[in-house]
Amino acid sequence: MIVVFKYFFFKNYVGLSLWPFIILKNSSLKKDTTLLNHEKIHLRQQRELLIMPFYFLYLLEGIMRYLMYFDAYRAYRSISFEREAYHNETNLNYLRERRTFSFIKYLWSQKPLECRE
């Protein structure tokens, strides 16, 4: 289910997945198939980890990445869940092809991610 709530976001963030919702900053983003696919990847990750463990692992990895880089944005982009979602967001067939726990292979990958602006 997609919900629009512009006051939920700060800076350049425009979308967020909180099981079972995709929350967007404005209604025009409902047409952004890349963003929606990115958020749907997160919903799949959340579901396969039974929701609450996803949030715990996301936060834990985010803290660990921040301690590695001392840069909040780089830490965020380095979280395995984000790496998987950003890497596959343009592949609209990805969720049909994706294997369970695919985010794990992004835990150790050090290939830098390109920024999506």
N, C-alpha and C. Protein backbone atom coordinates (compact mmCIF):
# COMPACT_ATOMS: atom_id res chain seq x y z
N MET A 1 0.84 -1.17 0.00
CA MET A 1 0.00 0.00 0.00
C MET A 1 0.89 1.24 0.00
N ILE A 2 0.56 2.20 -0.84
CA ILE A 2 1.35 3.43 -0.95
C ILE A 2 0.63 4.56 -0.22
N VAL A 3 1.38 5.26 0.63
CA VAL A 3 0.86 6.38 1.40
C VAL A 3 1.72 7.60 1.10
N VAL A 4 1.11 8.76 0.96
CA VAL A 4 1.84 10.01 0.74
C VAL A 4 1.78 10.83 2.02
N PHE A 5 2.96 11.21 2.51
CA PHE A 5 3.04 12.00 3.74
C PHE A 5 4.32 12.83 3.68
N LYS A 6 4.19 14.06 3.21
CA LYS A 6 5.38 14.88 2.93
C LYS A 6 6.13 15.33 4.17
N TYR A 7 5.50 15.34 5.33
CA TYR A 7 6.16 15.84 6.54
C TYR A 7 7.01 14.79 7.23
N PHE A 8 7.01 13.59 6.71
CA PHE A 8 7.73 12.48 7.30
C PHE A 8 9.22 12.50 6.92
N PHE A 9 9.58 13.26 5.91
CA PHE A 9 10.91 13.20 5.33
C PHE A 9 11.72 14.47 5.58
N PHE A 10 13.05 14.27 5.58
CA PHE A 10 13.96 15.40 5.69
C PHE A 10 14.99 15.30 4.57
N LYS A 11 15.61 16.42 4.27
CA LYS A 11 16.63 16.51 3.22
C LYS A 11 16.12 15.94 1.91
N ASN A 12 16.93 15.09 1.26
CA ASN A 12 16.61 14.60 -0.08
C ASN A 12 15.88 13.26 -0.10
N TYR A 13 15.49 12.74 1.05
CA TYR A 13 14.80 11.46 1.09
C TYR A 13 13.37 11.63 0.61
N VAL A 14 12.93 10.72 -0.26
CA VAL A 14 11.60 10.85 -0.85
C VAL A 14 10.73 9.61 -0.67
N GLY A 15 11.31 8.52 -0.20
CA GLY A 15 10.54 7.29 -0.04
C GLY A 15 11.08 6.45 1.09
N LEU A 16 10.19 5.64 1.66
CA LEU A 16 10.54 4.80 2.80
C LEU A 16 9.58 3.62 2.82
N SER A 17 10.11 2.47 3.17
CA SER A 17 9.27 1.26 3.32
C SER A 17 9.18 0.90 4.79
N LEU A 18 7.99 0.89 5.29
CA LEU A 18 7.70 0.41 6.65
C LEU A 18 6.58 -0.60 6.50
N TRP A 19 6.93 -1.86 6.65
CA TRP A 19 5.99 -2.95 6.38
C TRP A 19 4.61 -2.65 6.91
N PRO A 20 3.58 -2.74 6.15
CA PRO A 20 3.44 -3.10 4.75
C PRO A 20 3.27 -1.90 3.82
N PHE A 21 3.76 -0.75 4.25
CA PHE A 21 3.54 0.50 3.51
C PHE A 21 4.78 0.98 2.78
N ILE A 22 4.55 1.65 1.66
CA ILE A 22 5.57 2.48 1.02
C ILE A 22 5.10 3.90 1.24
N ILE A 23 5.91 4.69 1.91
CA ILE A 23 5.57 6.07 2.23
C ILE A 23 6.36 6.98 1.30
N LEU A 24 5.66 7.87 0.61
CA LEU A 24 6.29 8.78 -0.35
C LEU A 24 6.12 10.22 0.09
N LYS A 25 7.06 11.05 -0.34
CA LYS A 25 7.05 12.46 0.02
C LYS A 25 5.95 13.23 -0.71
N ASN A 26 5.66 12.86 -1.96
CA ASN A 26 4.57 13.51 -2.68
C ASN A 26 3.94 12.54 -3.68
N SER A 27 2.73 12.83 -4.09
CA SER A 27 1.96 11.90 -4.92
C SER A 27 2.54 11.71 -6.32
N SER A 28 3.29 12.66 -6.82
CA SER A 28 3.88 12.50 -8.15
C SER A 28 4.88 11.34 -8.18
N LEU A 29 5.42 10.97 -7.03
CA LEU A 29 6.39 9.87 -6.96
C LEU A 29 5.74 8.50 -7.19
N LYS A 30 4.41 8.44 -7.17
CA LYS A 30 3.72 7.18 -7.45
C LYS A 30 4.01 6.68 -8.86
N LYS A 31 4.46 7.58 -9.74
CA LYS A 31 4.76 7.23 -11.12
C LYS A 31 6.23 6.85 -11.32
N ASP A 32 7.04 7.00 -10.29
CA ASP A 32 8.48 6.70 -10.38
C ASP A 32 8.69 5.20 -10.17
N THR A 33 8.73 4.45 -11.27
CA THR A 33 8.83 2.99 -11.18
C THR A 33 10.14 2.54 -10.55
N THR A 34 11.21 3.28 -10.75
CA THR A 34 12.49 2.92 -10.15
C THR A 34 12.43 3.05 -8.64
N LEU A 35 11.90 4.16 -8.15
CA LEU A 35 11.75 4.35 -6.71
C LEU A 35 10.83 3.30 -6.10
N LEU A 36 9.72 3.05 -6.74
CA LEU A 36 8.78 2.04 -6.22
C LEU A 36 9.41 0.66 -6.20
N ASN A 37 10.17 0.32 -7.22
CA ASN A 37 10.84 -0.98 -7.24
C ASN A 37 11.86 -1.07 -6.10
N HIS A 38 12.61 0.02 -5.87
CA HIS A 38 13.57 0.08 -4.77
C HIS A 38 12.86 -0.20 -3.44
N GLU A 39 11.74 0.46 -3.22
CA GLU A 39 11.00 0.28 -1.97
C GLU A 39 10.37 -1.11 -1.87
N LYS A 40 9.94 -1.67 -2.99
CA LYS A 40 9.39 -3.03 -2.98
C LYS A 40 10.46 -4.06 -2.64
N ILE A 41 11.68 -3.79 -3.06
CA ILE A 41 12.79 -4.67 -2.69
C ILE A 41 12.95 -4.67 -1.17
N HIS A 42 12.85 -3.48 -0.57
CA HIS A 42 12.92 -3.39 0.90
C HIS A 42 11.76 -4.14 1.56
N LEU A 43 10.57 -4.04 1.00
CA LEU A 43 9.44 -4.78 1.57
C LEU A 43 9.70 -6.28 1.53
N ARG A 44 10.30 -6.76 0.46
CA ARG A 44 10.62 -8.19 0.37
C ARG A 44 11.66 -8.57 1.41
N GLN A 45 12.67 -7.72 1.57
CA GLN A 45 13.70 -7.96 2.59
C GLN A 45 13.06 -8.02 3.98
N GLN A 46 12.17 -7.09 4.25
CA GLN A 46 11.50 -7.04 5.55
C GLN A 46 10.68 -8.30 5.79
N ARG A 47 9.95 -8.71 4.78
CA ARG A 47 9.10 -9.90 4.92
C ARG A 47 9.93 -11.16 5.16
N GLU A 48 11.00 -11.33 4.41
CA GLU A 48 11.78 -12.56 4.57
C GLU A 48 12.52 -12.62 5.90
N LEU A 49 12.77 -11.47 6.52
CA LEU A 49 13.40 -11.45 7.84
C LEU A 49 12.38 -11.30 8.96
N LEU A 50 11.11 -11.49 8.64
CA LEU A 50 10.02 -11.42 9.61
C LEU A 50 9.91 -10.04 10.26
N ILE A 51 10.16 -9.03 9.50
CA ILE A 51 9.95 -7.61 9.78
C ILE A 51 10.84 -7.02 10.87
N MET A 52 10.62 -7.34 12.11
CA MET A 52 11.40 -6.70 13.18
C MET A 52 12.89 -7.01 13.11
N PRO A 53 13.32 -8.23 12.83
CA PRO A 53 14.76 -8.46 12.68
C PRO A 53 15.39 -7.62 11.56
N PHE A 54 14.61 -7.33 10.52
CA PHE A 54 15.11 -6.47 9.45
C PHE A 54 15.51 -5.11 10.02
N TYR A 55 14.62 -4.50 10.78
CA TYR A 55 14.89 -3.17 11.33
C TYR A 55 16.08 -3.20 12.29
N PHE A 56 16.17 -4.24 13.09
CA PHE A 56 17.30 -4.39 14.00
C PHE A 56 18.62 -4.51 13.22
N LEU A 57 18.64 -5.39 12.22
CA LEU A 57 19.86 -5.58 11.43
C LEU A 57 20.21 -4.34 10.62
N TYR A 58 19.20 -3.66 10.10
CA TYR A 58 19.42 -2.43 9.33
C TYR A 58 20.09 -1.38 10.23
N LEU A 59 19.56 -1.19 11.41
CA LEU A 59 20.11 -0.22 12.35
C LEU A 59 21.52 -0.62 12.80
N LEU A 60 21.69 -1.88 13.13
CA LEU A 60 23.00 -2.38 13.57
C LEU A 60 24.05 -2.18 12.48
N GLU A 61 23.72 -2.57 11.27
CA GLU A 61 24.67 -2.39 10.17
C GLU A 61 24.92 -0.92 9.89
N GLY A 62 23.90 -0.09 9.99
CA GLY A 62 24.06 1.35 9.80
C GLY A 62 25.03 1.94 10.81
N ILE A 63 24.91 1.54 12.05
CA ILE A 63 25.82 2.02 13.11
C ILE A 63 27.24 1.55 12.83
N MET A 64 27.38 0.27 12.47
CA MET A 64 28.71 -0.27 12.18
C MET A 64 29.35 0.45 10.99
N ARG A 65 28.57 0.70 9.96
CA ARG A 65 29.10 1.40 8.77
C ARG A 65 29.46 2.85 9.12
N TYR A 66 28.68 3.46 9.97
CA TYR A 66 29.01 4.83 10.38
C TYR A 66 30.34 4.86 11.14
N LEU A 67 30.54 3.88 12.01
CA LEU A 67 31.80 3.81 12.76
C LEU A 67 32.98 3.51 11.84
N MET A 68 32.71 2.88 10.71
CA MET A 68 33.78 2.61 9.73
C MET A 68 34.14 3.87 8.95
N TYR A 69 33.14 4.66 8.57
CA TYR A 69 33.35 5.78 7.64
C TYR A 69 33.23 7.16 8.27
N PHE A 70 32.57 7.27 9.40
CA PHE A 70 32.27 8.57 10.03
C PHE A 70 31.63 9.53 9.03
N ASP A 71 30.74 8.98 8.22
CA ASP A 71 30.02 9.73 7.20
C ASP A 71 28.64 9.09 7.09
N ALA A 72 27.60 9.80 7.51
CA ALA A 72 26.26 9.22 7.58
C ALA A 72 25.74 8.78 6.22
N TYR A 73 25.97 9.59 5.19
CA TYR A 73 25.46 9.23 3.86
C TYR A 73 26.19 8.01 3.31
N ARG A 74 27.49 7.97 3.45
CA ARG A 74 28.27 6.82 2.98
C ARG A 74 27.87 5.56 3.76
N ALA A 75 27.63 5.71 5.05
CA ALA A 75 27.19 4.58 5.86
C ALA A 75 25.84 4.06 5.36
N TYR A 76 24.90 4.96 5.12
CA TYR A 76 23.58 4.59 4.61
C TYR A 76 23.70 3.85 3.28
N ARG A 77 24.49 4.39 2.36
CA ARG A 77 24.64 3.78 1.04
C ARG A 77 25.37 2.43 1.09
N SER A 78 26.08 2.17 2.19
CA SER A 78 26.85 0.94 2.32
C SER A 78 26.09 -0.18 3.02
N ILE A 79 24.93 0.11 3.57
CA ILE A 79 24.13 -0.93 4.23
C ILE A 79 23.73 -1.95 3.18
N SER A 80 23.91 -3.22 3.48
CA SER A 80 23.67 -4.29 2.50
C SER A 80 22.26 -4.24 1.90
N PHE A 81 21.26 -3.92 2.70
CA PHE A 81 19.89 -3.83 2.21
C PHE A 81 19.76 -2.72 1.17
N GLU A 82 20.42 -1.58 1.42
CA GLU A 82 20.40 -0.48 0.47
C GLU A 82 21.21 -0.80 -0.77
N ARG A 83 22.35 -1.47 -0.59
CA ARG A 83 23.18 -1.84 -1.73
C ARG A 83 22.40 -2.73 -2.69
N GLU A 84 21.70 -3.71 -2.14
CA GLU A 84 20.89 -4.59 -3.00
C GLU A 84 19.80 -3.79 -3.71
N ALA A 85 19.10 -2.95 -2.97
CA ALA A 85 17.99 -2.19 -3.56
C ALA A 85 18.48 -1.21 -4.62
N TYR A 86 19.55 -0.48 -4.35
CA TYR A 86 20.07 0.47 -5.34
C TYR A 86 20.62 -0.26 -6.56
N HIS A 87 21.30 -1.36 -6.34
CA HIS A 87 21.91 -2.09 -7.45
C HIS A 87 20.85 -2.65 -8.41
N ASN A 88 19.67 -2.99 -7.89
CA ASN A 88 18.64 -3.67 -8.69
C ASN A 88 17.38 -2.86 -8.93
N GLU A 89 17.36 -1.60 -8.53
CA GLU A 89 16.13 -0.82 -8.62
C GLU A 89 15.63 -0.60 -10.04
N THR A 90 16.51 -0.59 -11.02
CA THR A 90 16.08 -0.38 -12.41
C THR A 90 15.64 -1.66 -13.11
N ASN A 91 15.91 -2.80 -12.49
CA ASN A 91 15.49 -4.09 -13.04
C ASN A 91 14.10 -4.41 -12.51
N LEU A 92 13.10 -4.12 -13.30
CA LEU A 92 11.72 -4.31 -12.85
C LEU A 92 11.32 -5.78 -12.73
N ASN A 93 12.16 -6.69 -13.21
CA ASN A 93 11.92 -8.12 -13.05
C ASN A 93 12.67 -8.70 -11.86
N TYR A 94 13.42 -7.87 -11.16
CA TYR A 94 14.30 -8.37 -10.11
C TYR A 94 13.56 -9.17 -9.03
N LEU A 95 12.43 -8.70 -8.59
CA LEU A 95 11.72 -9.40 -7.51
C LEU A 95 11.22 -10.78 -7.94
N ARG A 96 10.99 -10.97 -9.23
CA ARG A 96 10.61 -12.30 -9.72
C ARG A 96 11.81 -13.24 -9.78
N GLU A 97 13.00 -12.66 -10.02
CA GLU A 97 14.23 -13.44 -10.18
C GLU A 97 14.99 -13.61 -8.86
N ARG A 98 14.73 -12.75 -7.91
CA ARG A 98 15.51 -12.67 -6.67
C ARG A 98 15.39 -13.93 -5.83
N ARG A 99 16.55 -14.35 -5.31
CA ARG A 99 16.57 -15.47 -4.38
C ARG A 99 16.44 -14.94 -2.95
N THR A 100 15.94 -15.77 -2.08
CA THR A 100 15.78 -15.40 -0.68
C THR A 100 17.13 -15.03 -0.08
N PHE A 101 17.14 -14.01 0.76
CA PHE A 101 18.32 -13.52 1.47
C PHE A 101 19.42 -13.04 0.51
N SER A 102 19.05 -12.52 -0.63
CA SER A 102 20.03 -12.02 -1.60
C SER A 102 20.85 -10.86 -1.08
N PHE A 103 20.35 -10.15 -0.08
CA PHE A 103 21.09 -9.02 0.47
C PHE A 103 22.42 -9.45 1.09
N ILE A 104 22.54 -10.73 1.47
CA ILE A 104 23.74 -11.21 2.16
C ILE A 104 24.98 -11.02 1.30
N LYS A 105 24.86 -11.23 0.00
CA LYS A 105 26.05 -11.08 -0.84
C LYS A 105 26.55 -9.63 -0.91
N TYR A 106 25.72 -8.69 -0.49
CA TYR A 106 26.12 -7.28 -0.48
C TYR A 106 26.80 -6.88 0.84
N LEU A 107 26.80 -7.77 1.81
CA LEU A 107 27.46 -7.48 3.08
C LEU A 107 28.96 -7.27 2.92
N TRP A 108 29.58 -8.09 2.08
CA TRP A 108 31.03 -8.06 1.95
C TRP A 108 31.51 -7.36 0.69
N SER A 109 30.61 -7.01 -0.18
CA SER A 109 30.98 -6.34 -1.42
C SER A 109 31.48 -4.93 -1.11
N GLN A 110 32.59 -4.57 -1.66
CA GLN A 110 33.16 -3.24 -1.43
C GLN A 110 33.06 -2.34 -2.66
N LYS A 111 32.40 -2.83 -3.70
CA LYS A 111 32.24 -2.01 -4.90
C LYS A 111 31.43 -0.77 -4.58
N PRO A 112 31.94 0.42 -4.87
CA PRO A 112 31.22 1.65 -4.55
C PRO A 112 29.93 1.76 -5.35
N LEU A 113 28.91 2.30 -4.71
CA LEU A 113 27.63 2.52 -5.38
C LEU A 113 27.59 3.92 -5.97
N GLU A 114 26.99 4.01 -7.13
CA GLU A 114 26.78 5.32 -7.75
C GLU A 114 25.61 6.00 -7.05
N CYS A 115 25.68 7.28 -6.90
CA CYS A 115 24.59 8.02 -6.26
C CYS A 115 23.47 8.26 -7.26
N ARG A 116 22.25 8.08 -6.83
CA ARG A 116 21.08 8.35 -7.65
C ARG A 116 20.54 9.71 -7.24
N GLU A 117 20.62 10.63 -8.12
CA GLU A 117 20.15 11.99 -7.82
C GLU A 117 18.90 12.30 -8.61
